Amino acid sequence: SSGINAEYGGKDLKLLSTISADSTEKNLMGAVNNIQTKLSLIEPSDYTHIDTRLQAVLHKMDLLKSKAKDIPETNNKVAEVFDSVRKIEPVISTLPNIVDRLTALKVLHEQAAQFASN
């Protein structure tokens, strides 16, 4: 028991301490006994329910993983839009004047077209 604990128990102390957190024995055998005790509490009829729930959790994790892949692309698109807005921001204040001028020119062109047709 102490040979196994020395060989494998020291490999990942964080994992061992997590597994044996509610056990009085803080070694590999204590962790194994703790897991066996917990597994014996599960009824065989609950296995399918547990499996179904685990599959649902895995599916949700896969969805989150795929959405996480899209985040950098979305962030790049948002950054591009903000850059475009920053570029046209100085022009935005002049737009009302430009629209007024174009409207006035439209009237002038219509009058010129009427004069030329007479």
PDB file of N, CA and C in Angstrom:
ATOM      1  N   SER A   1       0.827  -1.192   0.000  1.00  0.00           N
ATOM      2  CA  SER A   1       0.000   0.000   0.000  1.00  0.00           C
ATOM      3  C   SER A   1       0.871   1.255   0.000  1.00  0.00           C
ATOM      4  N   SER A   2       1.907   1.296   0.870  1.00  0.00           N
ATOM      5  CA  SER A   2       2.746   2.484   0.920  1.00  0.00           C
ATOM      6  C   SER A   2       3.597   2.605  -0.343  1.00  0.00           C
ATOM      7  N   GLY A   3       3.947   1.449  -0.970  1.00  0.00           N
ATOM      8  CA  GLY A   3       4.698   1.479  -2.227  1.00  0.00           C
ATOM      9  C   GLY A   3       3.869   2.067  -3.353  1.00  0.00           C
ATOM     10  N   ILE A   4       2.612   1.678  -3.434  1.00  0.00           N
ATOM     11  CA  ILE A   4       1.710   2.221  -4.457  1.00  0.00           C
ATOM     12  C   ILE A   4       1.506   3.708  -4.208  1.00  0.00           C
ATOM     13  N   ASN A   5       1.294   4.072  -2.961  1.00  0.00           N
ATOM     14  CA  ASN A   5       1.074   5.463  -2.610  1.00  0.00           C
ATOM     15  C   ASN A   5       2.293   6.311  -2.960  1.00  0.00           C
ATOM     16  N   ALA A   6       3.487   5.762  -2.688  1.00  0.00           N
ATOM     17  CA  ALA A   6       4.714   6.494  -3.003  1.00  0.00           C
ATOM     18  C   ALA A   6       4.897   6.626  -4.505  1.00  0.00           C
ATOM     19  N   GLU A   7       4.541   5.578  -5.253  1.00  0.00           N
ATOM     20  CA  GLU A   7       4.732   5.584  -6.704  1.00  0.00           C
ATOM     21  C   GLU A   7       3.727   6.499  -7.416  1.00  0.00           C
ATOM     22  N   TYR A   8       2.447   6.396  -7.068  1.00  0.00           N
ATOM     23  CA  TYR A   8       1.406   7.108  -7.801  1.00  0.00           C
ATOM     24  C   TYR A   8       0.780   8.260  -7.027  1.00  0.00           C
ATOM     25  N   GLY A   9       0.805   8.211  -5.724  1.00  0.00           N
ATOM     26  CA  GLY A   9       0.143   9.229  -4.914  1.00  0.00           C
ATOM     27  C   GLY A   9       0.799  10.589  -4.998  1.00  0.00           C
ATOM     28  N   GLY A  10       2.090  10.615  -5.229  1.00  0.00           N
ATOM     29  CA  GLY A  10       2.792  11.888  -5.277  1.00  0.00           C
ATOM     30  C   GLY A  10       2.778  12.546  -6.641  1.00  0.00           C
ATOM     31  N   LYS A  11       2.259  11.874  -7.649  1.00  0.00           N
ATOM     32  CA  LYS A  11       2.278  12.405  -9.015  1.00  0.00           C
ATOM     33  C   LYS A  11       1.454  13.675  -9.138  1.00  0.00           C
ATOM     34  N   ASP A  12       0.263  13.665  -8.592  1.00  0.00           N
ATOM     35  CA  ASP A  12      -0.613  14.827  -8.696  1.00  0.00           C
ATOM     36  C   ASP A  12      -1.267  15.055  -7.343  1.00  0.00           C
ATOM     37  N   LEU A  13      -0.588  15.782  -6.495  1.00  0.00           N
ATOM     38  CA  LEU A  13      -1.059  15.992  -5.132  1.00  0.00           C
ATOM     39  C   LEU A  13      -2.380  16.758  -5.099  1.00  0.00           C
ATOM     40  N   LYS A  14      -2.563  17.656  -6.046  1.00  0.00           N
ATOM     41  CA  LYS A  14      -3.809  18.425  -6.083  1.00  0.00           C
ATOM     42  C   LYS A  14      -4.992  17.504  -6.358  1.00  0.00           C
ATOM     43  N   LEU A  15      -4.838  16.610  -7.325  1.00  0.00           N
ATOM     44  CA  LEU A  15      -5.895  15.650  -7.645  1.00  0.00           C
ATOM     45  C   LEU A  15      -6.160  14.729  -6.462  1.00  0.00           C
ATOM     46  N   LEU A  16      -5.105  14.231  -5.854  1.00  0.00           N
ATOM     47  CA  LEU A  16      -5.247  13.344  -4.701  1.00  0.00           C
ATOM     48  C   LEU A  16      -5.954  14.058  -3.552  1.00  0.00           C
ATOM     49  N   SER A  17      -5.592  15.304  -3.309  1.00  0.00           N
ATOM     50  CA  SER A  17      -6.240  16.026  -2.210  1.00  0.00           C
ATOM     51  C   SER A  17      -7.690  16.327  -2.536  1.00  0.00           C
ATOM     52  N   THR A  18      -8.023  16.519  -3.804  1.00  0.00           N
ATOM     53  CA  THR A  18      -9.419  16.737  -4.201  1.00  0.00           C
ATOM     54  C   THR A  18     -10.232  15.467  -4.013  1.00  0.00           C
ATOM     55  N   ILE A  19      -9.687  14.351  -4.454  1.00  0.00           N
ATOM     56  CA  ILE A  19     -10.399  13.072  -4.361  1.00  0.00           C
ATOM     57  C   ILE A  19     -10.583  12.654  -2.914  1.00  0.00           C
ATOM     58  N   SER A  20      -9.570  12.885  -2.099  1.00  0.00           N
ATOM     59  CA  SER A  20      -9.642  12.427  -0.709  1.00  0.00           C
ATOM     60  C   SER A  20     -10.018  13.546   0.257  1.00  0.00           C
ATOM     61  N   ALA A  21     -10.660  14.600  -0.252  1.00  0.00           N
ATOM     62  CA  ALA A  21     -10.992  15.760   0.585  1.00  0.00           C
ATOM     63  C   ALA A  21     -11.890  15.391   1.761  1.00  0.00           C
ATOM     64  N   ASP A  22     -12.874  14.531   1.536  1.00  0.00           N
ATOM     65  CA  ASP A  22     -13.785  14.176   2.627  1.00  0.00           C
ATOM     66  C   ASP A  22     -13.439  12.824   3.249  1.00  0.00           C
ATOM     67  N   SER A  23     -12.214  12.398   3.077  1.00  0.00           N
ATOM     68  CA  SER A  23     -11.745  11.147   3.661  1.00  0.00           C
ATOM     69  C   SER A  23     -10.789  11.451   4.810  1.00  0.00           C
ATOM     70  N   THR A  24     -10.734  10.542   5.759  1.00  0.00           N
ATOM     71  CA  THR A  24      -9.788  10.724   6.864  1.00  0.00           C
ATOM     72  C   THR A  24      -8.379  10.335   6.447  1.00  0.00           C
ATOM     73  N   GLU A  25      -8.278   9.431   5.465  1.00  0.00           N
ATOM     74  CA  GLU A  25      -6.967   9.010   4.961  1.00  0.00           C
ATOM     75  C   GLU A  25      -6.585   9.901   3.785  1.00  0.00           C
ATOM     76  N   LYS A  26      -5.455  10.550   3.865  1.00  0.00           N
ATOM     77  CA  LYS A  26      -5.014  11.465   2.804  1.00  0.00           C
ATOM     78  C   LYS A  26      -3.942  10.803   1.936  1.00  0.00           C
ATOM     79  N   ASN A  27      -4.244   9.593   1.451  1.00  0.00           N
ATOM     80  CA  ASN A  27      -3.309   8.905   0.564  1.00  0.00           C
ATOM     81  C   ASN A  27      -4.114   8.236  -0.535  1.00  0.00           C
ATOM     82  N   LEU A  28      -3.425   7.540  -1.418  1.00  0.00           N
ATOM     83  CA  LEU A  28      -4.061   6.923  -2.572  1.00  0.00           C
ATOM     84  C   LEU A  28      -5.085   5.865  -2.173  1.00  0.00           C
ATOM     85  N   MET A  29      -4.760   5.035  -1.209  1.00  0.00           N
ATOM     86  CA  MET A  29      -5.704   3.997  -0.771  1.00  0.00           C
ATOM     87  C   MET A  29      -6.949   4.624  -0.143  1.00  0.00           C
ATOM     88  N   GLY A  30      -6.766   5.708   0.604  1.00  0.00           N
ATOM     89  CA  GLY A  30      -7.910   6.419   1.174  1.00  0.00           C
ATOM     90  C   GLY A  30      -8.811   6.981   0.088  1.00  0.00           C
ATOM     91  N   ALA A  31      -8.197   7.505  -0.972  1.00  0.00           N
ATOM     92  CA  ALA A  31      -8.971   8.041  -2.093  1.00  0.00           C
ATOM     93  C   ALA A  31      -9.751   6.929  -2.791  1.00  0.00           C
ATOM     94  N   VAL A  32      -9.109   5.774  -3.000  1.00  0.00           N
ATOM     95  CA  VAL A  32      -9.781   4.637  -3.642  1.00  0.00           C
ATOM     96  C   VAL A  32     -10.943   4.157  -2.779  1.00  0.00           C
ATOM     97  N   ASN A  33     -10.728   4.032  -1.487  1.00  0.00           N
ATOM     98  CA  ASN A  33     -11.800   3.623  -0.578  1.00  0.00           C
ATOM     99  C   ASN A  33     -12.943   4.629  -0.598  1.00  0.00           C
ATOM    100  N   ASN A  34     -12.604   5.898  -0.647  1.00  0.00           N
ATOM    101  CA  ASN A  34     -13.613   6.950  -0.694  1.00  0.00           C
ATOM    102  C   ASN A  34     -14.464   6.842  -1.960  1.00  0.00           C
ATOM    103  N   ILE A  35     -13.809   6.616  -3.092  1.00  0.00           N
ATOM    104  CA  ILE A  35     -14.533   6.471  -4.365  1.00  0.00           C
ATOM    105  C   ILE A  35     -15.407   5.220  -4.342  1.00  0.00           C
ATOM    106  N   GLN A  36     -14.883   4.121  -3.823  1.00  0.00           N
ATOM    107  CA  GLN A  36     -15.667   2.881  -3.739  1.00  0.00           C
ATOM    108  C   GLN A  36     -16.910   3.082  -2.883  1.00  0.00           C
ATOM    109  N   THR A  37     -16.763   3.782  -1.791  1.00  0.00           N
ATOM    110  CA  THR A  37     -17.903   4.046  -0.910  1.00  0.00           C
ATOM    111  C   THR A  37     -18.963   4.860  -1.638  1.00  0.00           C
ATOM    112  N   LYS A  38     -18.533   5.876  -2.344  1.00  0.00           N
ATOM    113  CA  LYS A  38     -19.480   6.720  -3.078  1.00  0.00           C
ATOM    114  C   LYS A  38     -20.158   5.938  -4.204  1.00  0.00           C
ATOM    115  N   LEU A  39     -19.390   5.111  -4.915  1.00  0.00           N
ATOM    116  CA  LEU A  39     -19.972   4.315  -6.002  1.00  0.00           C
ATOM    117  C   LEU A  39     -20.976   3.294  -5.484  1.00  0.00           C
ATOM    118  N   SER A  40     -20.748   2.778  -4.294  1.00  0.00           N
ATOM    119  CA  SER A  40     -21.684   1.790  -3.742  1.00  0.00           C
ATOM    120  C   SER A  40     -23.024   2.430  -3.384  1.00  0.00           C
ATOM    121  N   LEU A  41     -23.051   3.749  -3.216  1.00  0.00           N
ATOM    122  CA  LEU A  41     -24.297   4.445  -2.893  1.00  0.00           C
ATOM    123  C   LEU A  41     -25.199   4.616  -4.121  1.00  0.00           C
ATOM    124  N   ILE A  42     -24.619   4.501  -5.301  1.00  0.00           N
ATOM    125  CA  ILE A  42     -25.395   4.663  -6.532  1.00  0.00           C
ATOM    126  C   ILE A  42     -26.127   3.362  -6.846  1.00  0.00           C
ATOM    127  N   GLU A  43     -27.407   3.473  -7.036  1.00  0.00           N
ATOM    128  CA  GLU A  43     -28.228   2.306  -7.389  1.00  0.00           C
ATOM    129  C   GLU A  43     -28.023   1.981  -8.865  1.00  0.00           C
ATOM    130  N   PRO A  44     -27.976   0.703  -9.219  1.00  0.00           N
ATOM    131  CA  PRO A  44     -27.810   0.331 -10.628  1.00  0.00           C
ATOM    132  C   PRO A  44     -28.905   0.913 -11.527  1.00  0.00           C
ATOM    133  N   SER A  45     -30.090   1.102 -10.995  1.00  0.00           N
ATOM    134  CA  SER A  45     -31.176   1.669 -11.807  1.00  0.00           C
ATOM    135  C   SER A  45     -30.912   3.143 -12.140  1.00  0.00           C
ATOM    136  N   ASP A  46     -30.033   3.791 -11.390  1.00  0.00           N
ATOM    137  CA  ASP A  46     -29.709   5.200 -11.642  1.00  0.00           C
ATOM    138  C   ASP A  46     -28.654   5.384 -12.729  1.00  0.00           C
ATOM    139  N   TYR A  47     -27.999   4.308 -13.127  1.00  0.00           N
ATOM    140  CA  TYR A  47     -26.911   4.415 -14.103  1.00  0.00           C
ATOM    141  C   TYR A  47     -27.367   5.064 -15.413  1.00  0.00           C
ATOM    142  N   THR A  48     -28.503   4.636 -15.934  1.00  0.00           N
ATOM    143  CA  THR A  48     -28.959   5.206 -17.213  1.00  0.00           C
ATOM    144  C   THR A  48     -29.291   6.686 -17.045  1.00  0.00           C
ATOM    145  N   HIS A  49     -29.897   7.039 -15.910  1.00  0.00           N
ATOM    146  CA  HIS A  49     -30.215   8.451 -15.657  1.00  0.00           C
ATOM    147  C   HIS A  49     -28.925   9.280 -15.555  1.00  0.00           C
ATOM    148  N   ILE A  50     -27.954   8.751 -14.848  1.00  0.00           N
ATOM    149  CA  ILE A  50     -26.675   9.447 -14.702  1.00  0.00           C
ATOM    150  C   ILE A  50     -25.989   9.566 -16.056  1.00  0.00           C
ATOM    151  N   ASP A  51     -26.013   8.496 -16.832  1.00  0.00           N
ATOM    152  CA  ASP A  51     -25.395   8.519 -18.153  1.00  0.00           C
ATOM    153  C   ASP A  51     -26.070   9.559 -19.047  1.00  0.00           C
ATOM    154  N   THR A  52     -27.390   9.614 -19.009  1.00  0.00           N
ATOM    155  CA  THR A  52     -28.130  10.588 -19.812  1.00  0.00           C
ATOM    156  C   THR A  52     -27.762  12.013 -19.420  1.00  0.00           C
ATOM    157  N   ARG A  53     -27.691  12.264 -18.123  1.00  0.00           N
ATOM    158  CA  ARG A  53     -27.336  13.605 -17.648  1.00  0.00           C
ATOM    159  C   ARG A  53     -25.908  13.963 -18.042  1.00  0.00           C
ATOM    160  N   LEU A  54     -25.000  12.994 -17.932  1.00  0.00           N
ATOM    161  CA  LEU A  54     -23.611  13.249 -18.324  1.00  0.00           C
ATOM    162  C   LEU A  54     -23.508  13.534 -19.821  1.00  0.00           C
ATOM    163  N   GLN A  55     -24.265  12.796 -20.631  1.00  0.00           N
ATOM    164  CA  GLN A  55     -24.260  13.045 -22.070  1.00  0.00           C
ATOM    165  C   GLN A  55     -24.790  14.441 -22.379  1.00  0.00           C
ATOM    166  N   ALA A  56     -25.824  14.877 -21.651  1.00  0.00           N
ATOM    167  CA  ALA A  56     -26.362  16.228 -21.852  1.00  0.00           C
ATOM    168  C   ALA A  56     -25.321  17.283 -21.484  1.00  0.00           C
ATOM    169  N   VAL A  57     -24.615  17.062 -20.396  1.00  0.00           N
ATOM    170  CA  VAL A  57     -23.570  17.993 -19.982  1.00  0.00           C
ATOM    171  C   VAL A  57     -22.456  18.038 -21.020  1.00  0.00           C
ATOM    172  N   LEU A  58     -22.049  16.875 -21.514  1.00  0.00           N
ATOM    173  CA  LEU A  58     -21.009  16.827 -22.549  1.00  0.00           C
ATOM    174  C   LEU A  58     -21.455  17.546 -23.817  1.00  0.00           C
ATOM    175  N   HIS A  59     -22.716  17.371 -24.180  1.00  0.00           N
ATOM    176  CA  HIS A  59     -23.257  18.048 -25.362  1.00  0.00           C
ATOM    177  C   HIS A  59     -23.204  19.569 -25.170  1.00  0.00           C
ATOM    178  N   LYS A  60     -23.618  20.041 -23.998  1.00  0.00           N
ATOM    179  CA  LYS A  60     -23.577  21.482 -23.722  1.00  0.00           C
ATOM    180  C   LYS A  60     -22.142  22.001 -23.738  1.00  0.00           C
ATOM    181  N   MET A  61     -21.226  21.214 -23.219  1.00  0.00           N
ATOM    182  CA  MET A  61     -19.822  21.629 -23.239  1.00  0.00           C
ATOM    183  C   MET A  61     -19.301  21.722 -24.670  1.00  0.00           C
ATOM    184  N   ASP A  62     -19.706  20.787 -25.523  1.00  0.00           N
ATOM    185  CA  ASP A  62     -19.309  20.845 -26.931  1.00  0.00           C
ATOM    186  C   ASP A  62     -19.871  22.092 -27.609  1.00  0.00           C
ATOM    187  N   LEU A  63     -21.135  22.425 -27.285  1.00  0.00           N
ATOM    188  CA  LEU A  63     -21.733  23.634 -27.847  1.00  0.00           C
ATOM    189  C   LEU A  63     -20.971  24.876 -27.400  1.00  0.00           C
ATOM    190  N   LEU A  64     -20.630  24.921 -26.123  1.00  0.00           N
ATOM    191  CA  LEU A  64     -19.872  26.065 -25.618  1.00  0.00           C
ATOM    192  C   LEU A  64     -18.505  26.158 -26.285  1.00  0.00           C
ATOM    193  N   LYS A  65     -17.892  24.997 -26.497  1.00  0.00           N
ATOM    194  CA  LYS A  65     -16.585  24.983 -27.154  1.00  0.00           C
ATOM    195  C   LYS A  65     -16.690  25.520 -28.580  1.00  0.00           C
ATOM    196  N   SER A  66     -17.737  25.114 -29.296  1.00  0.00           N
ATOM    197  CA  SER A  66     -17.890  25.594 -30.671  1.00  0.00           C
ATOM    198  C   SER A  66     -18.215  27.085 -30.692  1.00  0.00           C
ATOM    199  N   LYS A  67     -18.983  27.568 -29.716  1.00  0.00           N
ATOM    200  CA  LYS A  67     -19.271  29.001 -29.648  1.00  0.00           C
ATOM    201  C   LYS A  67     -18.021  29.780 -29.291  1.00  0.00           C
ATOM    202  N   ALA A  68     -17.188  29.205 -28.466  1.00  0.00           N
ATOM    203  CA  ALA A  68     -15.949  29.872 -28.072  1.00  0.00           C
ATOM    204  C   ALA A  68     -15.037  30.067 -29.286  1.00  0.00           C
ATOM    205  N   LYS A  69     -15.096  29.134 -30.233  1.00  0.00           N
ATOM    206  CA  LYS A  69     -14.296  29.272 -31.450  1.00  0.00           C
ATOM    207  C   LYS A  69     -14.773  30.453 -32.275  1.00  0.00           C
ATOM    208  N   ASP A  70     -16.089  30.755 -32.232  1.00  0.00           N
ATOM    209  CA  ASP A  70     -16.648  31.853 -33.012  1.00  0.00           C
ATOM    210  C   ASP A  70     -16.377  33.214 -32.389  1.00  0.00           C
ATOM    211  N   ILE A  71     -16.050  33.257 -31.125  1.00  0.00           N
ATOM    212  CA  ILE A  71     -15.886  34.529 -30.436  1.00  0.00           C
ATOM    213  C   ILE A  71     -14.779  35.388 -31.048  1.00  0.00           C
ATOM    214  N   PRO A  72     -13.583  34.853 -31.328  1.00  0.00           N
ATOM    215  CA  PRO A  72     -12.556  35.713 -31.929  1.00  0.00           C
ATOM    216  C   PRO A  72     -13.002  36.283 -33.276  1.00  0.00           C
ATOM    217  N   GLU A  73     -13.686  35.465 -34.081  1.00  0.00           N
ATOM    218  CA  GLU A  73     -14.165  35.948 -35.379  1.00  0.00           C
ATOM    219  C   GLU A  73     -15.180  37.071 -35.185  1.00  0.00           C
ATOM    220  N   THR A  74     -16.090  36.901 -34.238  1.00  0.00           N
ATOM    221  CA  THR A  74     -17.084  37.932 -33.958  1.00  0.00           C
ATOM    222  C   THR A  74     -16.405  39.187 -33.438  1.00  0.00           C
ATOM    223  N   ASN A  75     -15.447  39.028 -32.559  1.00  0.00           N
ATOM    224  CA  ASN A  75     -14.721  40.186 -32.036  1.00  0.00           C
ATOM    225  C   ASN A  75     -14.003  40.934 -33.149  1.00  0.00           C
ATOM    226  N   ASN A  76     -13.445  40.203 -34.109  1.00  0.00           N
ATOM    227  CA  ASN A  76     -12.777  40.853 -35.241  1.00  0.00           C
ATOM    228  C   ASN A  76     -13.774  41.648 -36.078  1.00  0.00           C
ATOM    229  N   LYS A  77     -14.964  41.084 -36.297  1.00  0.00           N
ATOM    230  CA  LYS A  77     -15.983  41.789 -37.066  1.00  0.00           C
ATOM    231  C   LYS A  77     -16.438  43.049 -36.350  1.00  0.00           C
ATOM    232  N   VAL A  78     -16.641  42.956 -35.042  1.00  0.00           N
ATOM    233  CA  VAL A  78     -17.048  44.122 -34.255  1.00  0.00           C
ATOM    234  C   VAL A  78     -15.958  45.190 -34.319  1.00  0.00           C
ATOM    235  N   ALA A  79     -14.720  44.789 -34.224  1.00  0.00           N
ATOM    236  CA  ALA A  79     -13.607  45.741 -34.298  1.00  0.00           C
ATOM    237  C   ALA A  79     -13.574  46.434 -35.653  1.00  0.00           C
ATOM    238  N   GLU A  80     -13.847  45.691 -36.721  1.00  0.00           N
ATOM    239  CA  GLU A  80     -13.892  46.287 -38.057  1.00  0.00           C
ATOM    240  C   GLU A  80     -15.000  47.326 -38.158  1.00  0.00           C
ATOM    241  N   VAL A  81     -16.171  47.008 -37.606  1.00  0.00           N
ATOM    242  CA  VAL A  81     -17.291  47.957 -37.644  1.00  0.00           C
ATOM    243  C   VAL A  81     -16.923  49.226 -36.875  1.00  0.00           C
ATOM    244  N   PHE A  82     -16.340  49.078 -35.695  1.00  0.00           N
ATOM    245  CA  PHE A  82     -15.944  50.248 -34.917  1.00  0.00           C
ATOM    246  C   PHE A  82     -14.896  51.074 -35.656  1.00  0.00           C
ATOM    247  N   ASP A  83     -13.966  50.415 -36.333  1.00  0.00           N
ATOM    248  CA  ASP A  83     -12.965  51.147 -37.111  1.00  0.00           C
ATOM    249  C   ASP A  83     -13.627  51.938 -38.235  1.00  0.00           C
ATOM    250  N   SER A  84     -14.603  51.326 -38.890  1.00  0.00           N
ATOM    251  CA  SER A  84     -15.323  52.024 -39.958  1.00  0.00           C
ATOM    252  C   SER A  84     -16.069  53.239 -39.413  1.00  0.00           C
ATOM    253  N   VAL A  85     -16.696  53.071 -38.274  1.00  0.00           N
ATOM    254  CA  VAL A  85     -17.426  54.189 -37.669  1.00  0.00           C
ATOM    255  C   VAL A  85     -16.461  55.307 -37.291  1.00  0.00           C
ATOM    256  N   ARG A  86     -15.308  54.956 -36.750  1.00  0.00           N
ATOM    257  CA  ARG A  86     -14.320  55.985 -36.386  1.00  0.00           C
ATOM    258  C   ARG A  86     -13.837  56.747 -37.618  1.00  0.00           C
ATOM    259  N   LYS A  87     -13.709  56.048 -38.742  1.00  0.00           N
ATOM    260  CA  LYS A  87     -13.235  56.705 -39.961  1.00  0.00           C
ATOM    261  C   LYS A  87     -14.251  57.700 -40.494  1.00  0.00           C
ATOM    262  N   ILE A  88     -15.547  57.364 -40.397  1.00  0.00           N
ATOM    263  CA  ILE A  88     -16.557  58.267 -40.960  1.00  0.00           C
ATOM    264  C   ILE A  88     -17.082  59.280 -39.942  1.00  0.00           C
ATOM    265  N   GLU A  89     -16.661  59.166 -38.702  1.00  0.00           N
ATOM    266  CA  GLU A  89     -17.142  60.068 -37.648  1.00  0.00           C
ATOM    267  C   GLU A  89     -16.919  61.545 -37.977  1.00  0.00           C
ATOM    268  N   PRO A  90     -15.764  61.940 -38.493  1.00  0.00           N
ATOM    269  CA  PRO A  90     -15.586  63.361 -38.820  1.00  0.00           C
ATOM    270  C   PRO A  90     -16.534  63.840 -39.924  1.00  0.00           C
ATOM    271  N   VAL A  91     -16.936  62.961 -40.811  1.00  0.00           N
ATOM    272  CA  VAL A  91     -17.799  63.322 -41.932  1.00  0.00           C
ATOM    273  C   VAL A  91     -19.265  63.453 -41.497  1.00  0.00           C
ATOM    274  N   ILE A  92     -19.633  62.745 -40.437  1.00  0.00           N
ATOM    275  CA  ILE A  92     -21.025  62.702 -40.010  1.00  0.00           C
ATOM    276  C   ILE A  92     -21.569  64.098 -39.729  1.00  0.00           C
ATOM    277  N   SER A  93     -20.795  64.961 -39.139  1.00  0.00           N
ATOM    278  CA  SER A  93     -21.277  66.309 -38.808  1.00  0.00           C
ATOM    279  C   SER A  93     -21.549  67.146 -40.054  1.00  0.00           C
ATOM    280  N   THR A  94     -20.894  66.834 -41.168  1.00  0.00           N
ATOM    281  CA  THR A  94     -21.100  67.603 -42.397  1.00  0.00           C
ATOM    282  C   THR A  94     -22.256  67.075 -43.244  1.00  0.00           C
ATOM    283  N   LEU A  95     -22.780  65.923 -42.903  1.00  0.00           N
ATOM    284  CA  LEU A  95     -23.847  65.333 -43.725  1.00  0.00           C
ATOM    285  C   LEU A  95     -25.084  66.215 -43.865  1.00  0.00           C
ATOM    286  N   PRO A  96     -25.596  66.849 -42.826  1.00  0.00           N
ATOM    287  CA  PRO A  96     -26.774  67.708 -43.030  1.00  0.00           C
ATOM    288  C   PRO A  96     -26.518  68.828 -44.043  1.00  0.00           C
ATOM    289  N   ASN A  97     -25.325  69.435 -44.003  1.00  0.00           N
ATOM    290  CA  ASN A  97     -24.993  70.486 -44.971  1.00  0.00           C
ATOM    291  C   ASN A  97     -24.926  69.932 -46.393  1.00  0.00           C
ATOM    292  N   ILE A  98     -24.344  68.739 -46.530  1.00  0.00           N
ATOM    293  CA  ILE A  98     -24.244  68.125 -47.854  1.00  0.00           C
ATOM    294  C   ILE A  98     -25.631  67.805 -48.402  1.00  0.00           C
ATOM    295  N   VAL A  99     -26.517  67.290 -47.566  1.00  0.00           N
ATOM    296  CA  VAL A  99     -27.883  66.983 -47.997  1.00  0.00           C
ATOM    297  C   VAL A  99     -28.602  68.259 -48.421  1.00  0.00           C
ATOM    298  N   ASP A 100     -28.449  69.340 -47.655  1.00  0.00           N
ATOM    299  CA  ASP A 100     -29.071  70.625 -48.021  1.00  0.00           C
ATOM    300  C   ASP A 100     -28.554  71.121 -49.367  1.00  0.00           C
ATOM    301  N   ARG A 101     -27.242  70.987 -49.573  1.00  0.00           N
ATOM    302  CA  ARG A 101     -26.654  71.432 -50.839  1.00  0.00           C
ATOM    303  C   ARG A 101     -27.155  70.604 -52.014  1.00  0.00           C
ATOM    304  N   LEU A 102     -27.226  69.283 -51.810  1.00  0.00           N
ATOM    305  CA  LEU A 102     -27.709  68.414 -52.885  1.00  0.00           C
ATOM    306  C   LEU A 102     -29.175  68.707 -53.205  1.00  0.00           C
ATOM    307  N   THR A 103     -29.968  68.991 -52.193  1.00  0.00           N
ATOM    308  CA  THR A 103     -31.379  69.333 -52.421  1.00  0.00           C
ATOM    309  C   THR A 103     -31.483  70.622 -53.216  1.00  0.00           C
ATOM    310  N   ALA A 104     -30.673  71.610 -52.851  1.00  0.00           N
ATOM    311  CA  ALA A 104     -30.676  72.878 -53.578  1.00  0.00           C
ATOM    312  C   ALA A 104     -30.215  72.676 -55.015  1.00  0.00           C
ATOM    313  N   LEU A 105     -29.177  71.857 -55.207  1.00  0.00           N
ATOM    314  CA  LEU A 105     -28.688  71.582 -56.565  1.00  0.00           C
ATOM    315  C   LEU A 105     -29.731  70.837 -57.391  1.00  0.00           C
ATOM    316  N   LYS A 106     -30.493  69.975 -56.754  1.00  0.00           N
ATOM    317  CA  LYS A 106     -31.548  69.238 -57.462  1.00  0.00           C
ATOM    318  C   LYS A 106     -32.580  70.217 -58.010  1.00  0.00           C
ATOM    319  N   VAL A 107     -32.972  71.153 -57.186  1.00  0.00           N
ATOM    320  CA  VAL A 107     -33.948  72.170 -57.617  1.00  0.00           C
ATOM    321  C   VAL A 107     -33.358  72.982 -58.762  1.00  0.00           C
ATOM    322  N   LEU A 108     -32.098  73.374 -58.633  1.00  0.00           N
ATOM    323  CA  LEU A 108     -31.437  74.157 -59.678  1.00  0.00           C
ATOM    324  C   LEU A 108     -31.354  73.379 -60.984  1.00  0.00           C
ATOM    325  N   HIS A 109     -31.023  72.070 -60.899  1.00  0.00           N
ATOM    326  CA  HIS A 109     -30.940  71.231 -62.106  1.00  0.00           C
ATOM    327  C   HIS A 109     -32.309  71.052 -62.731  1.00  0.00           C
ATOM    328  N   GLU A 110     -33.337  70.921 -61.927  1.00  0.00           N
ATOM    329  CA  GLU A 110     -34.702  70.797 -62.477  1.00  0.00           C
ATOM    330  C   GLU A 110     -35.104  72.077 -63.211  1.00  0.00           C
ATOM    331  N   GLN A 111     -34.757  73.240 -62.625  1.00  0.00           N
ATOM    332  CA  GLN A 111     -35.062  74.501 -63.287  1.00  0.00           C
ATOM    333  C   GLN A 111     -34.285  74.650 -64.596  1.00  0.00           C
ATOM    334  N   ALA A 112     -33.009  74.187 -64.572  1.00  0.00           N
ATOM    335  CA  ALA A 112     -32.192  74.260 -65.784  1.00  0.00           C
ATOM    336  C   ALA A 112     -32.744  73.344 -66.852  1.00  0.00           C
ATOM    337  N   ALA A 113     -33.242  72.161 -66.454  1.00  0.00           N
ATOM    338  CA  ALA A 113     -33.812  71.223 -67.418  1.00  0.00           C
ATOM    339  C   ALA A 113     -35.087  71.817 -68.022  1.00  0.00           C
ATOM    340  N   GLN A 114     -35.906  72.486 -67.215  1.00  0.00           N
ATOM    341  CA  GLN A 114     -37.145  73.122 -67.737  1.00  0.00           C
ATOM    342  C   GLN A 114     -36.790  74.233 -68.694  1.00  0.00           C
ATOM    343  N   PHE A 115     -35.757  75.042 -68.355  1.00  0.00           N
ATOM    344  CA  PHE A 115     -35.355  76.148 -69.213  1.00  0.00           C
ATOM    345  C   PHE A 115     -34.829  75.644 -70.551  1.00  0.00           C
ATOM    346  N   ALA A 116     -34.057  74.520 -70.490  1.00  0.00           N
ATOM    347  CA  ALA A 116     -33.488  73.977 -71.714  1.00  0.00           C
ATOM    348  C   ALA A 116     -34.556  73.355 -72.581  1.00  0.00           C
ATOM    349  N   SER A 117     -35.613  72.826 -71.992  1.00  0.00           N
ATOM    350  CA  SER A 117     -36.660  72.193 -72.803  1.00  0.00           C
ATOM    351  C   SER A 117     -37.607  73.228 -73.424  1.00  0.00           C
ATOM    352  N   ASN A 118     -37.635  74.489 -72.906  1.00  0.00           N
ATOM    353  CA  ASN A 118     -38.512  75.525 -73.475  1.00  0.00           C
ATOM    354  C   ASN A 118     -37.876  76.172 -74.614  1.00  0.00           C
TER     355      ASN A 118
END
